[in-house]
Amino acid sequence: MNLSNYFSLIDPLIKLCQTVGIYICQRYTHSSSQQSSSKADGTPLTQVDLYAHSMLVKGLYEISPDIPILSEESTAWELRNRFDWRRLWIIDPLDGTREFLNKTGDFTINIALVENGRPLLGIIYQPLQEICYAGLIGMGVWRICPGDLIGDSLEIKTQPVDKKSISILSSRGNAGLVFDNYLNWIKTHFIEVDLLKFGAALKFIKLVDGIGDIYPRFSPCSEWDVAAGDAIVHAAGGKLVGLDGLPFKYNFREKLTSEPFIAVGASSFSLLSKSIDFFSS
């Protein structure tokens, strides 16, 4: 596929997310949607996750019948040949199930198109707000609101004037000891440090919108939590790298858990470099 072929996928992907998003929102206030079980890793699972998964899988096969799908809700049997997949979708039908259950509103639909281990196209859709962020490497990022067509490329905002303050994006839960140590280190470099907490993939959106400067993640998550945001951040001119300073490769390891990473907008490239040195020392 060339860039124009990838770009032509964005509109049907947005429509698919809108359809799945309507279902998720309908169940958001429904009493039965609050029933959940726990997966092996302790994260919650609801019937909403499973049905949204089936809707997305069906829709993606209609859009691209020849591209296999790696979903948070895929079975081991469905993924038995995944290392043979040069191109694949990596999706999270309901990123932020815990936020969904807690009624915070911080949940998203994540879709990434990965080729040779790297995400080329990313979609993050907010069902409640009906807002979609779509990023395509080499072309840019678009924010699509209800009734909008794909508009001008949305660049990650830079704020080079005030280097005495920084906004750090984090999950709503406990970020862990490594994050606390990193936060203390950052506080030695800036007079003012703001900690902004959001659920699901919203941290990537806030980074692209310039609300946050850096998103460090050291607590456990999975490839379907990261791939779409990785594509969007890179497409908008930012970076997402592991603590070794290298970009992630997806669907390359036995485990689908994601390594710790740091994502930044262009305004924080120098901090990213210093952070990598901090973790290597």
C-alpha atoms as a PDB file:
ATOM      1  CA  MET A   1       0.000   0.000   0.000  1.00  0.00           C
ATOM      2  CA  ASN A   2       1.080   3.595  -0.615  1.00  0.00           C
ATOM      3  CA  LEU A   3       0.092   6.637   1.437  1.00  0.00           C
ATOM      4  CA  SER A   4      -3.021   7.353  -0.635  1.00  0.00           C
ATOM      5  CA  ASN A   5      -4.242   3.792  -0.047  1.00  0.00           C
ATOM      6  CA  TYR A   6      -3.738   4.158   3.686  1.00  0.00           C
ATOM      7  CA  PHE A   7      -5.409   7.568   3.662  1.00  0.00           C
ATOM      8  CA  SER A   8      -8.466   6.081   1.953  1.00  0.00           C
ATOM      9  CA  LEU A   9      -8.946   3.791   4.967  1.00  0.00           C
ATOM     10  CA  ILE A  10      -9.444   6.652   7.418  1.00  0.00           C
ATOM     11  CA  ASP A  11     -13.017   7.578   6.492  1.00  0.00           C
ATOM     12  CA  PRO A  12     -14.451   4.023   6.741  1.00  0.00           C
ATOM     13  CA  LEU A  13     -12.500   3.499   9.974  1.00  0.00           C
ATOM     14  CA  ILE A  14     -14.065   6.615  11.498  1.00  0.00           C
ATOM     15  CA  LYS A  15     -17.536   5.453  10.461  1.00  0.00           C
ATOM     16  CA  LEU A  16     -16.864   2.040  11.997  1.00  0.00           C
ATOM     17  CA  CYS A  17     -15.747   3.669  15.257  1.00  0.00           C
ATOM     18  CA  GLN A  18     -18.869   5.824  15.272  1.00  0.00           C
ATOM     19  CA  THR A  19     -21.067   2.741  14.918  1.00  0.00           C
ATOM     20  CA  VAL A  20     -19.268   0.865  17.692  1.00  0.00           C
ATOM     21  CA  GLY A  21     -19.212   4.038  19.781  1.00  0.00           C
ATOM     22  CA  ILE A  22     -23.003   4.343  19.640  1.00  0.00           C
ATOM     23  CA  TYR A  23     -23.310   0.840  21.080  1.00  0.00           C
ATOM     24  CA  ILE A  24     -20.766   1.559  23.834  1.00  0.00           C
ATOM     25  CA  CYS A  25     -22.549   4.775  24.823  1.00  0.00           C
ATOM     26  CA  GLN A  26     -25.911   2.994  24.923  1.00  0.00           C
ATOM     27  CA  ARG A  27     -24.476   0.494  27.377  1.00  0.00           C
ATOM     28  CA  TYR A  28     -22.631   3.128  29.405  1.00  0.00           C
ATOM     29  CA  THR A  29     -25.662   3.917  31.562  1.00  0.00           C
ATOM     30  CA  HIS A  30     -27.281   0.474  31.334  1.00  0.00           C
ATOM     31  CA  SER A  31     -27.243  -1.463  34.595  1.00  0.00           C
ATOM     32  CA  SER A  32     -26.223  -4.798  33.026  1.00  0.00           C
ATOM     33  CA  SER A  33     -23.096  -3.217  31.536  1.00  0.00           C
ATOM     34  CA  GLN A  34     -21.734  -2.861  35.073  1.00  0.00           C
ATOM     35  CA  GLN A  35     -21.342  -6.637  35.429  1.00  0.00           C
ATOM     36  CA  SER A  36     -17.723  -7.607  34.933  1.00  0.00           C
ATOM     37  CA  SER A  37     -15.294 -10.449  35.423  1.00  0.00           C
ATOM     38  CA  SER A  38     -11.526 -10.378  35.828  1.00  0.00           C
ATOM     39  CA  LYS A  39      -8.943 -11.529  33.325  1.00  0.00           C
ATOM     40  CA  ALA A  40      -5.803 -13.426  34.286  1.00  0.00           C
ATOM     41  CA  ASP A  41      -3.923 -10.129  34.644  1.00  0.00           C
ATOM     42  CA  GLY A  42      -6.587  -8.724  36.983  1.00  0.00           C
ATOM     43  CA  THR A  43      -8.051  -6.229  34.503  1.00  0.00           C
ATOM     44  CA  PRO A  44     -11.857  -6.123  34.188  1.00  0.00           C
ATOM     45  CA  LEU A  45     -13.815  -7.610  31.287  1.00  0.00           C
ATOM     46  CA  THR A  46     -17.438  -6.829  30.406  1.00  0.00           C
ATOM     47  CA  GLN A  47     -19.873  -7.987  27.762  1.00  0.00           C
ATOM     48  CA  VAL A  48     -19.449  -4.520  26.263  1.00  0.00           C
ATOM     49  CA  ASP A  49     -15.761  -5.279  25.611  1.00  0.00           C
ATOM     50  CA  LEU A  50     -16.655  -8.545  23.884  1.00  0.00           C
ATOM     51  CA  TYR A  51     -19.480  -7.202  21.741  1.00  0.00           C
ATOM     52  CA  ALA A  52     -17.511  -4.104  20.744  1.00  0.00           C
ATOM     53  CA  HIS A  53     -14.701  -6.491  19.766  1.00  0.00           C
ATOM     54  CA  SER A  54     -17.021  -8.527  17.535  1.00  0.00           C
ATOM     55  CA  MET A  55     -18.366  -5.351  15.902  1.00  0.00           C
ATOM     56  CA  LEU A  56     -14.885  -3.995  15.207  1.00  0.00           C
ATOM     57  CA  VAL A  57     -13.570  -7.291  13.876  1.00  0.00           C
ATOM     58  CA  LYS A  58     -16.543  -7.686  11.526  1.00  0.00           C
ATOM     59  CA  GLY A  59     -16.173  -4.102  10.302  1.00  0.00           C
ATOM     60  CA  LEU A  60     -12.412  -4.329   9.797  1.00  0.00           C
ATOM     61  CA  TYR A  61     -12.745  -7.500   7.728  1.00  0.00           C
ATOM     62  CA  GLU A  62     -15.289  -5.706   5.563  1.00  0.00           C
ATOM     63  CA  ILE A  63     -12.868  -2.792   5.095  1.00  0.00           C
ATOM     64  CA  SER A  64      -9.756  -4.930   4.550  1.00  0.00           C
ATOM     65  CA  PRO A  65     -10.487  -8.674   4.219  1.00  0.00           C
ATOM     66  CA  ASP A  66      -6.817  -9.560   3.753  1.00  0.00           C
ATOM     67  CA  ILE A  67      -5.462  -7.887   6.921  1.00  0.00           C
ATOM     68  CA  PRO A  68      -5.517 -10.025  10.116  1.00  0.00           C
ATOM     69  CA  ILE A  69      -6.523  -8.579  13.469  1.00  0.00           C
ATOM     70  CA  LEU A  70      -4.836  -8.632  16.863  1.00  0.00           C
ATOM     71  CA  SER A  71      -7.325  -7.503  19.491  1.00  0.00           C
ATOM     72  CA  GLU A  72      -7.234  -7.321  23.257  1.00  0.00           C
ATOM     73  CA  GLU A  73     -10.096  -9.802  23.153  1.00  0.00           C
ATOM     74  CA  SER A  74      -8.596 -12.172  20.568  1.00  0.00           C
ATOM     75  CA  THR A  75      -8.242 -15.821  21.571  1.00  0.00           C
ATOM     76  CA  ALA A  76      -4.918 -17.670  21.582  1.00  0.00           C
ATOM     77  CA  TRP A  77      -6.209 -19.773  18.690  1.00  0.00           C
ATOM     78  CA  GLU A  78      -6.971 -16.688  16.616  1.00  0.00           C
ATOM     79  CA  LEU A  79      -3.418 -15.417  17.192  1.00  0.00           C
ATOM     80  CA  ARG A  80      -1.618 -18.733  16.656  1.00  0.00           C
ATOM     81  CA  ASN A  81      -0.032 -17.544  13.388  1.00  0.00           C
ATOM     82  CA  ARG A  82       0.504 -13.895  14.325  1.00  0.00           C
ATOM     83  CA  PHE A  83       4.279 -13.950  13.803  1.00  0.00           C
ATOM     84  CA  ASP A  84       3.604 -14.594  10.114  1.00  0.00           C
ATOM     85  CA  TRP A  85       1.625 -11.368   9.818  1.00  0.00           C
ATOM     86  CA  ARG A  86       3.678  -8.661   8.086  1.00  0.00           C
ATOM     87  CA  ARG A  87       0.701  -6.305   8.152  1.00  0.00           C
ATOM     88  CA  LEU A  88      -2.033  -6.372  10.800  1.00  0.00           C
ATOM     89  CA  TRP A  89      -4.551  -4.362  12.756  1.00  0.00           C
ATOM     90  CA  ILE A  90      -3.889  -3.961  16.487  1.00  0.00           C
ATOM     91  CA  ILE A  91      -7.058  -2.868  18.262  1.00  0.00           C
ATOM     92  CA  ASP A  92      -8.527  -2.221  21.675  1.00  0.00           C
ATOM     93  CA  PRO A  93     -12.327  -2.201  21.337  1.00  0.00           C
ATOM     94  CA  LEU A  94     -12.791  -0.507  24.716  1.00  0.00           C
ATOM     95  CA  ASP A  95      -9.619   0.983  26.130  1.00  0.00           C
ATOM     96  CA  GLY A  96     -10.364   2.022  29.688  1.00  0.00           C
ATOM     97  CA  THR A  97     -12.822  -0.636  30.838  1.00  0.00           C
ATOM     98  CA  ARG A  98     -12.155   0.298  34.442  1.00  0.00           C
ATOM     99  CA  GLU A  99     -12.915   3.956  33.618  1.00  0.00           C
ATOM    100  CA  PHE A 100     -16.052   2.799  31.804  1.00  0.00           C
ATOM    101  CA  LEU A 101     -17.193   0.943  34.925  1.00  0.00           C
ATOM    102  CA  ASN A 102     -16.276   3.856  37.212  1.00  0.00           C
ATOM    103  CA  LYS A 103     -18.199   6.303  35.001  1.00  0.00           C
ATOM    104  CA  THR A 104     -15.278   8.710  34.522  1.00  0.00           C
ATOM    105  CA  GLY A 105     -15.890   8.959  30.769  1.00  0.00           C
ATOM    106  CA  ASP A 106     -12.211   8.308  30.036  1.00  0.00           C
ATOM    107  CA  PHE A 107     -12.463   5.458  27.536  1.00  0.00           C
ATOM    108  CA  THR A 108     -11.608   5.144  23.857  1.00  0.00           C
ATOM    109  CA  ILE A 109     -11.596   2.874  20.829  1.00  0.00           C
ATOM    110  CA  ASN A 110      -8.045   2.310  19.557  1.00  0.00           C
ATOM    111  CA  ILE A 111      -7.133   1.062  16.074  1.00  0.00           C
ATOM    112  CA  ALA A 112      -3.626   0.849  14.617  1.00  0.00           C
ATOM    113  CA  LEU A 113      -2.441  -0.467  11.280  1.00  0.00           C
ATOM    114  CA  VAL A 114       0.991  -2.013  11.785  1.00  0.00           C
ATOM    115  CA  GLU A 115       3.410  -2.993   9.026  1.00  0.00           C
ATOM    116  CA  ASN A 116       6.741  -4.724   9.640  1.00  0.00           C
ATOM    117  CA  GLY A 117       6.431  -4.035  13.343  1.00  0.00           C
ATOM    118  CA  ARG A 118       5.739  -0.300  13.143  1.00  0.00           C
ATOM    119  CA  PRO A 119       2.354   1.478  13.321  1.00  0.00           C
ATOM    120  CA  LEU A 120       1.656   3.532  10.203  1.00  0.00           C
ATOM    121  CA  LEU A 121      -1.917   4.606  10.872  1.00  0.00           C
ATOM    122  CA  GLY A 122      -3.626   5.254  14.182  1.00  0.00           C
ATOM    123  CA  ILE A 123      -7.205   5.987  15.223  1.00  0.00           C
ATOM    124  CA  ILE A 124      -8.275   7.015  18.729  1.00  0.00           C
ATOM    125  CA  TYR A 125     -12.005   7.593  19.046  1.00  0.00           C
ATOM    126  CA  GLN A 126     -13.830   9.061  22.051  1.00  0.00           C
ATOM    127  CA  PRO A 127     -17.372   7.616  21.988  1.00  0.00           C
ATOM    128  CA  LEU A 128     -18.962  10.039  24.460  1.00  0.00           C
ATOM    129  CA  GLN A 129     -17.558  13.137  22.743  1.00  0.00           C
ATOM    130  CA  GLU A 130     -17.808  11.650  19.224  1.00  0.00           C
ATOM    131  CA  ILE A 131     -14.321  13.015  18.517  1.00  0.00           C
ATOM    132  CA  CYS A 132     -11.765  11.089  16.507  1.00  0.00           C
ATOM    133  CA  TYR A 133      -8.016  11.571  16.156  1.00  0.00           C
ATOM    134  CA  ALA A 134      -6.521   9.982  13.054  1.00  0.00           C
ATOM    135  CA  GLY A 135      -2.794   9.936  12.345  1.00  0.00           C
ATOM    136  CA  LEU A 136      -0.976   8.710   9.252  1.00  0.00           C
ATOM    137  CA  ILE A 137       2.816   8.625   9.206  1.00  0.00           C
ATOM    138  CA  GLY A 138       4.097  10.928   6.483  1.00  0.00           C
ATOM    139  CA  MET A 139       0.837  12.879   6.164  1.00  0.00           C
ATOM    140  CA  GLY A 140      -0.174  14.228   9.560  1.00  0.00           C
ATOM    141  CA  VAL A 141      -2.875  14.088  12.231  1.00  0.00           C
ATOM    142  CA  TRP A 142      -6.508  15.131  12.021  1.00  0.00           C
ATOM    143  CA  ARG A 143      -9.034  15.868  14.722  1.00  0.00           C
ATOM    144  CA  ILE A 144     -12.515  15.027  13.404  1.00  0.00           C
ATOM    145  CA  CYS A 145     -15.541  16.313  15.330  1.00  0.00           C
ATOM    146  CA  PRO A 146     -19.175  15.371  14.605  1.00  0.00           C
ATOM    147  CA  GLY A 147     -20.106  16.525  11.095  1.00  0.00           C
ATOM    148  CA  ASP A 148     -16.528  17.326  10.117  1.00  0.00           C
ATOM    149  CA  LEU A 149     -14.601  16.107   7.124  1.00  0.00           C
ATOM    150  CA  ILE A 150     -10.906  15.335   7.450  1.00  0.00           C
ATOM    151  CA  GLY A 151      -9.378  18.791   7.697  1.00  0.00           C
ATOM    152  CA  ASP A 152      -5.942  20.278   7.915  1.00  0.00           C
ATOM    153  CA  SER A 153      -3.070  18.431   9.529  1.00  0.00           C
ATOM    154  CA  LEU A 154      -2.924  19.023  13.279  1.00  0.00           C
ATOM    155  CA  GLU A 155       0.638  19.580  14.468  1.00  0.00           C
ATOM    156  CA  ILE A 156       1.770  18.840  17.992  1.00  0.00           C
ATOM    157  CA  LYS A 157       1.919  22.242  19.656  1.00  0.00           C
ATOM    158  CA  THR A 158       5.277  23.465  20.878  1.00  0.00           C
ATOM    159  CA  GLN A 159       5.774  25.958  23.661  1.00  0.00           C
ATOM    160  CA  PRO A 160       9.428  27.006  23.488  1.00  0.00           C
ATOM    161  CA  VAL A 161       8.989  30.258  25.404  1.00  0.00           C
ATOM    162  CA  ASP A 162       8.443  28.980  28.950  1.00  0.00           C
ATOM    163  CA  LYS A 163      10.931  26.246  29.768  1.00  0.00           C
ATOM    164  CA  LYS A 164      10.529  26.728  33.519  1.00  0.00           C
ATOM    165  CA  SER A 165       7.315  24.686  33.645  1.00  0.00           C
ATOM    166  CA  ILE A 166       6.233  21.326  32.286  1.00  0.00           C
ATOM    167  CA  SER A 167       3.018  19.303  32.211  1.00  0.00           C
ATOM    168  CA  ILE A 168       3.349  15.554  32.717  1.00  0.00           C
ATOM    169  CA  LEU A 169       0.617  13.165  31.609  1.00  0.00           C
ATOM    170  CA  SER A 170      -0.201  10.141  33.726  1.00  0.00           C
ATOM    171  CA  SER A 171      -2.873   7.496  34.277  1.00  0.00           C
ATOM    172  CA  ARG A 172      -5.527   7.970  36.920  1.00  0.00           C
ATOM    173  CA  GLY A 173      -4.281   5.030  38.987  1.00  0.00           C
ATOM    174  CA  ASN A 174      -1.041   4.570  40.903  1.00  0.00           C
ATOM    175  CA  ALA A 175       1.781   5.108  38.401  1.00  0.00           C
ATOM    176  CA  GLY A 176       4.328   3.216  40.519  1.00  0.00           C
ATOM    177  CA  LEU A 177       7.679   3.790  42.223  1.00  0.00           C
ATOM    178  CA  VAL A 178       9.653   4.230  38.987  1.00  0.00           C
ATOM    179  CA  PHE A 179       7.301   7.024  37.948  1.00  0.00           C
ATOM    180  CA  ASP A 180       7.641   8.671  41.363  1.00  0.00           C
ATOM    181  CA  ASN A 181      11.434   8.600  41.126  1.00  0.00           C
ATOM    182  CA  TYR A 182      11.316   9.980  37.590  1.00  0.00           C
ATOM    183  CA  LEU A 183       8.912  12.725  38.680  1.00  0.00           C
ATOM    184  CA  ASN A 184      11.272  13.742  41.490  1.00  0.00           C
ATOM    185  CA  TRP A 185      14.133  13.898  38.975  1.00  0.00           C
ATOM    186  CA  ILE A 186      12.072  16.100  36.638  1.00  0.00           C
ATOM    187  CA  LYS A 187      11.285  18.456  39.514  1.00  0.00           C
ATOM    188  CA  THR A 188      15.008  19.217  39.791  1.00  0.00           C
ATOM    189  CA  HIS A 189      14.931  20.602  36.218  1.00  0.00           C
ATOM    190  CA  PHE A 190      11.739  22.707  36.300  1.00  0.00           C
ATOM    191  CA  ILE A 191      10.373  25.307  38.681  1.00  0.00           C
ATOM    192  CA  GLU A 192       6.777  24.256  38.045  1.00  0.00           C
ATOM    193  CA  VAL A 193       5.649  20.701  37.319  1.00  0.00           C
ATOM    194  CA  ASP A 194       1.978  19.966  36.663  1.00  0.00           C
ATOM    195  CA  LEU A 195       0.708  16.380  36.834  1.00  0.00           C
ATOM    196  CA  LEU A 196      -2.315  15.784  34.592  1.00  0.00           C
ATOM    197  CA  LYS A 197      -4.178  12.485  34.987  1.00  0.00           C
ATOM    198  CA  PHE A 198      -6.346  10.889  32.296  1.00  0.00           C
ATOM    199  CA  GLY A 199      -7.586   7.391  31.570  1.00  0.00           C
ATOM    200  CA  ALA A 200      -7.114   5.117  28.549  1.00  0.00           C
ATOM    201  CA  ALA A 201      -5.435   6.525  25.408  1.00  0.00           C
ATOM    202  CA  LEU A 202      -6.466  10.092  26.232  1.00  0.00           C
ATOM    203  CA  LYS A 203      -2.884  10.831  27.302  1.00  0.00           C
ATOM    204  CA  PHE A 204      -1.776  10.579  23.668  1.00  0.00           C
ATOM    205  CA  ILE A 205      -4.561  12.941  22.608  1.00  0.00           C
ATOM    206  CA  LYS A 206      -3.627  15.482  25.264  1.00  0.00           C
ATOM    207  CA  LEU A 207      -0.008  15.275  24.121  1.00  0.00           C
ATOM    208  CA  VAL A 208      -0.989  15.938  20.505  1.00  0.00           C
ATOM    209  CA  ASP A 209      -3.219  18.823  21.549  1.00  0.00           C
ATOM    210  CA  GLY A 210      -0.357  20.425  23.481  1.00  0.00           C
ATOM    211  CA  ILE A 211      -2.121  20.113  26.837  1.00  0.00           C
ATOM    212  CA  GLY A 212       0.702  17.912  28.103  1.00  0.00           C
ATOM    213  CA  ASP A 213       4.409  17.999  27.270  1.00  0.00           C
ATOM    214  CA  ILE A 214       5.477  14.457  28.105  1.00  0.00           C
ATOM    215  CA  TYR A 215       3.825  11.100  28.797  1.00  0.00           C
ATOM    216  CA  PRO A 216       6.073   8.621  30.627  1.00  0.00           C
ATOM    217  CA  ARG A 217       4.636   5.130  31.157  1.00  0.00           C
ATOM    218  CA  PHE A 218       6.363   2.610  33.410  1.00  0.00           C
ATOM    219  CA  SER A 219       3.406   0.605  34.745  1.00  0.00           C
ATOM    220  CA  PRO A 220       2.165  -2.461  32.811  1.00  0.00           C
ATOM    221  CA  CYS A 221       0.094  -2.049  29.667  1.00  0.00           C
ATOM    222  CA  SER A 222      -0.252  -3.887  26.357  1.00  0.00           C
ATOM    223  CA  GLU A 223       0.526  -3.280  22.699  1.00  0.00           C
ATOM    224  CA  TRP A 224      -3.131  -2.522  21.893  1.00  0.00           C
ATOM    225  CA  ASP A 225      -3.000   0.266  24.502  1.00  0.00           C
ATOM    226  CA  VAL A 226      -0.042   1.941  22.798  1.00  0.00           C
ATOM    227  CA  ALA A 227       0.082   1.235  19.033  1.00  0.00           C
ATOM    228  CA  ALA A 228      -2.574   3.737  17.888  1.00  0.00           C
ATOM    229  CA  GLY A 229      -1.169   6.489  20.106  1.00  0.00           C
ATOM    230  CA  ASP A 230       2.346   5.721  18.874  1.00  0.00           C
ATOM    231  CA  ALA A 231       1.229   6.267  15.266  1.00  0.00           C
ATOM    232  CA  ILE A 232      -0.602   9.490  16.104  1.00  0.00           C
ATOM    233  CA  VAL A 233       2.244  10.989  18.152  1.00  0.00           C
ATOM    234  CA  HIS A 234       4.819  10.214  15.446  1.00  0.00           C
ATOM    235  CA  ALA A 235       2.545  11.429  12.650  1.00  0.00           C
ATOM    236  CA  ALA A 236       2.164  14.760  14.438  1.00  0.00           C
ATOM    237  CA  GLY A 237       5.897  15.248  14.836  1.00  0.00           C
ATOM    238  CA  GLY A 238       6.482  13.809  18.297  1.00  0.00           C
ATOM    239  CA  LYS A 239       8.309  10.725  19.504  1.00  0.00           C
ATOM    240  CA  LEU A 240       7.536   7.588  21.486  1.00  0.00           C
ATOM    241  CA  VAL A 241      10.501   5.447  22.472  1.00  0.00           C
ATOM    242  CA  GLY A 242      11.507   2.819  24.994  1.00  0.00           C
ATOM    243  CA  LEU A 243      13.936   3.567  27.785  1.00  0.00           C
ATOM    244  CA  ASP A 244      16.719   2.535  25.390  1.00  0.00           C
ATOM    245  CA  GLY A 245      15.768   5.446  23.138  1.00  0.00           C
ATOM    246  CA  LEU A 246      14.533   3.204  20.313  1.00  0.00           C
ATOM    247  CA  PRO A 247      11.053   3.133  18.706  1.00  0.00           C
ATOM    248  CA  PHE A 248       8.809   0.219  19.593  1.00  0.00           C
ATOM    249  CA  LYS A 249       8.271  -2.812  17.383  1.00  0.00           C
ATOM    250  CA  TYR A 250       4.887  -4.480  17.629  1.00  0.00           C
ATOM    251  CA  ASN A 251       3.893  -8.141  17.322  1.00  0.00           C
ATOM    252  CA  PHE A 252       7.552  -9.145  17.560  1.00  0.00           C
ATOM    253  CA  ARG A 253       7.649 -10.713  21.012  1.00  0.00           C
ATOM    254  CA  GLU A 254       5.997 -13.697  22.683  1.00  0.00           C
ATOM    255  CA  LYS A 255       4.337 -11.445  25.240  1.00  0.00           C
ATOM    256  CA  LEU A 256       2.050  -8.659  24.106  1.00  0.00           C
ATOM    257  CA  THR A 257       2.763  -6.520  27.146  1.00  0.00           C
ATOM    258  CA  SER A 258       4.368  -3.203  26.306  1.00  0.00           C
ATOM    259  CA  GLU A 259       7.787  -2.151  27.551  1.00  0.00           C
ATOM    260  CA  PRO A 260       8.076   1.133  29.521  1.00  0.00           C
ATOM    261  CA  PHE A 261       8.133   4.162  27.244  1.00  0.00           C
ATOM    262  CA  ILE A 262       8.276   7.931  27.087  1.00  0.00           C
ATOM    263  CA  ALA A 263       6.205   9.929  24.584  1.00  0.00           C
ATOM    264  CA  VAL A 264       6.874  13.606  23.930  1.00  0.00           C
ATOM    265  CA  GLY A 265       5.868  16.492  21.741  1.00  0.00           C
ATOM    266  CA  ALA A 266       8.476  18.412  19.790  1.00  0.00           C
ATOM    267  CA  SER A 267       8.836  20.926  22.627  1.00  0.00           C
ATOM    268  CA  SER A 268      10.282  18.220  24.896  1.00  0.00           C
ATOM    269  CA  PHE A 269      12.854  16.505  22.667  1.00  0.00           C
ATOM    270  CA  SER A 270      15.710  17.768  24.847  1.00  0.00           C
ATOM    271  CA  LEU A 271      13.998  16.392  27.962  1.00  0.00           C
ATOM    272  CA  LEU A 272      13.538  13.043  26.220  1.00  0.00           C
ATOM    273  CA  SER A 273      17.271  12.829  25.560  1.00  0.00           C
ATOM    274  CA  LYS A 274      18.076  13.689  29.178  1.00  0.00           C
ATOM    275  CA  SER A 275      15.496  11.137  30.361  1.00  0.00           C
ATOM    276  CA  ILE A 276      17.124   8.342  28.357  1.00  0.00           C
ATOM    277  CA  ASP A 277      20.469   9.290  29.892  1.00  0.00           C
ATOM    278  CA  PHE A 278      18.837   9.235  33.340  1.00  0.00           C
ATOM    279  CA  PHE A 279      17.564   5.688  32.910  1.00  0.00           C
ATOM    280  CA  SER A 280      20.811   4.429  31.385  1.00  0.00           C
ATOM    281  CA  SER A 281      22.890   5.757  34.289  1.00  0.00           C
END
